Amino acid sequence: MSMGQRSATMARRQLEALHNARSALEQVTASDFNGAALTLGRKTLTNGFYDVTVVDARTKNVELRVRWLSLRGATNWVVLTTSVSSALHF
């Protein structure tokens, strides 16, 4: 039973981190293509960070990482990536 509770706690922590990452990524990608959220470089989040890099003049990549802790205190990461095109931002 104890093992089941640990597994459930780990799954809950990872799922919470995934939810936070998806929410943050939605906010970033909804931003103006030339706005502050999508300028090149690393931006800090409450529980992680994201990096914006250039693919070409019309496309940027966003890699977002949100941390979560295992039961033993080890840091783990949920990582989401996407590309943003200026053609989709008016």
Protein backbone atom coordinates (compact mmCIF):
# COMPACT_ATOMS: atom_id res chain seq x y z
CA MET A 1 0.00 0.00 0.00
CA SER A 2 2.86 2.34 0.81
CA MET A 3 4.39 1.75 -2.62
CA GLY A 4 1.06 2.62 -4.26
CA GLN A 5 0.85 5.88 -2.32
CA ARG A 6 4.39 6.84 -3.36
CA SER A 7 3.59 6.10 -6.99
CA ALA A 8 0.42 8.16 -6.80
CA THR A 9 2.29 11.09 -5.23
CA MET A 10 4.99 10.96 -7.90
CA ALA A 11 2.39 10.84 -10.67
CA ARG A 12 0.50 13.75 -9.11
CA ARG A 13 3.66 15.87 -8.89
CA GLN A 14 4.62 15.14 -12.49
CA LEU A 15 1.09 15.82 -13.73
CA GLU A 16 0.97 19.11 -11.85
CA ALA A 17 4.29 20.14 -13.42
CA LEU A 18 2.95 19.19 -16.86
CA HIS A 19 -0.19 21.24 -16.30
CA ASN A 20 1.91 24.25 -15.20
CA ALA A 21 4.19 23.84 -18.22
CA ARG A 22 1.30 23.67 -20.67
CA SER A 23 -0.31 26.73 -19.14
CA ALA A 24 2.94 28.72 -19.27
CA LEU A 25 3.65 27.64 -22.85
CA GLU A 26 0.15 28.72 -23.93
CA GLN A 27 0.73 32.17 -22.43
CA VAL A 28 4.13 32.55 -24.07
CA THR A 29 2.98 31.44 -27.52
CA ALA A 30 -0.08 33.69 -27.35
CA SER A 31 2.23 36.68 -26.94
CA ASP A 32 3.12 39.09 -29.71
CA PHE A 33 5.84 37.62 -31.96
CA ASN A 34 8.07 40.67 -31.35
CA GLY A 35 6.97 41.17 -27.75
CA ALA A 36 9.04 40.72 -24.58
CA ALA A 37 7.91 37.12 -23.93
CA LEU A 38 9.30 35.98 -27.28
CA THR A 39 12.56 37.90 -27.34
CA LEU A 40 15.64 35.73 -27.71
CA GLY A 41 17.23 34.21 -24.64
CA ARG A 42 16.27 32.61 -21.35
CA LYS A 43 13.29 33.77 -19.31
CA THR A 44 12.69 32.71 -15.71
CA LEU A 45 9.43 31.19 -14.52
CA THR A 46 8.33 30.60 -10.93
CA ASN A 47 9.19 26.92 -11.16
CA GLY A 48 11.46 26.75 -14.18
CA PHE A 49 12.47 28.64 -17.28
CA TYR A 50 12.13 28.82 -21.05
CA ASP A 51 14.52 29.55 -23.89
CA VAL A 52 13.63 31.34 -27.12
CA THR A 53 15.87 30.73 -30.13
CA VAL A 54 15.66 31.80 -33.77
CA VAL A 55 15.07 29.38 -36.62
CA ASP A 56 14.78 32.05 -39.30
CA ALA A 57 13.36 35.56 -39.70
CA ARG A 58 9.80 34.28 -39.36
CA THR A 59 10.16 31.42 -36.88
CA LYS A 60 11.27 31.06 -33.26
CA ASN A 61 11.60 27.93 -31.14
CA VAL A 62 10.49 27.86 -27.51
CA GLU A 63 11.70 25.20 -25.07
CA LEU A 64 10.05 25.39 -21.67
CA ARG A 65 11.11 23.46 -18.55
CA VAL A 66 9.19 23.12 -15.30
CA ARG A 67 10.76 21.35 -12.34
CA TRP A 68 9.18 18.86 -9.99
CA LEU A 69 10.69 16.98 -7.07
CA SER A 70 10.75 13.24 -6.51
CA LEU A 71 9.94 11.87 -3.07
CA ARG A 72 13.67 11.76 -2.34
CA GLY A 73 14.10 15.39 -3.33
CA ALA A 74 15.69 14.81 -6.74
CA THR A 75 14.91 17.49 -9.31
CA ASN A 76 13.08 16.28 -12.42
CA TRP A 77 11.90 18.31 -15.40
CA VAL A 78 8.89 18.41 -17.67
CA VAL A 79 10.09 19.76 -21.02
CA LEU A 80 7.80 21.12 -23.74
CA THR A 81 8.94 22.56 -27.07
CA THR A 82 7.18 24.34 -29.88
CA SER A 83 7.82 26.66 -32.80
CA VAL A 84 6.16 30.05 -33.23
CA SER A 85 5.69 31.67 -36.63
CA SER A 86 5.25 35.37 -37.29
CA ALA A 87 2.67 34.43 -39.92
CA LEU A 88 0.37 33.30 -37.10
CA HIS A 89 0.80 36.44 -35.01
CA PHE A 90 -0.91 39.56 -36.30
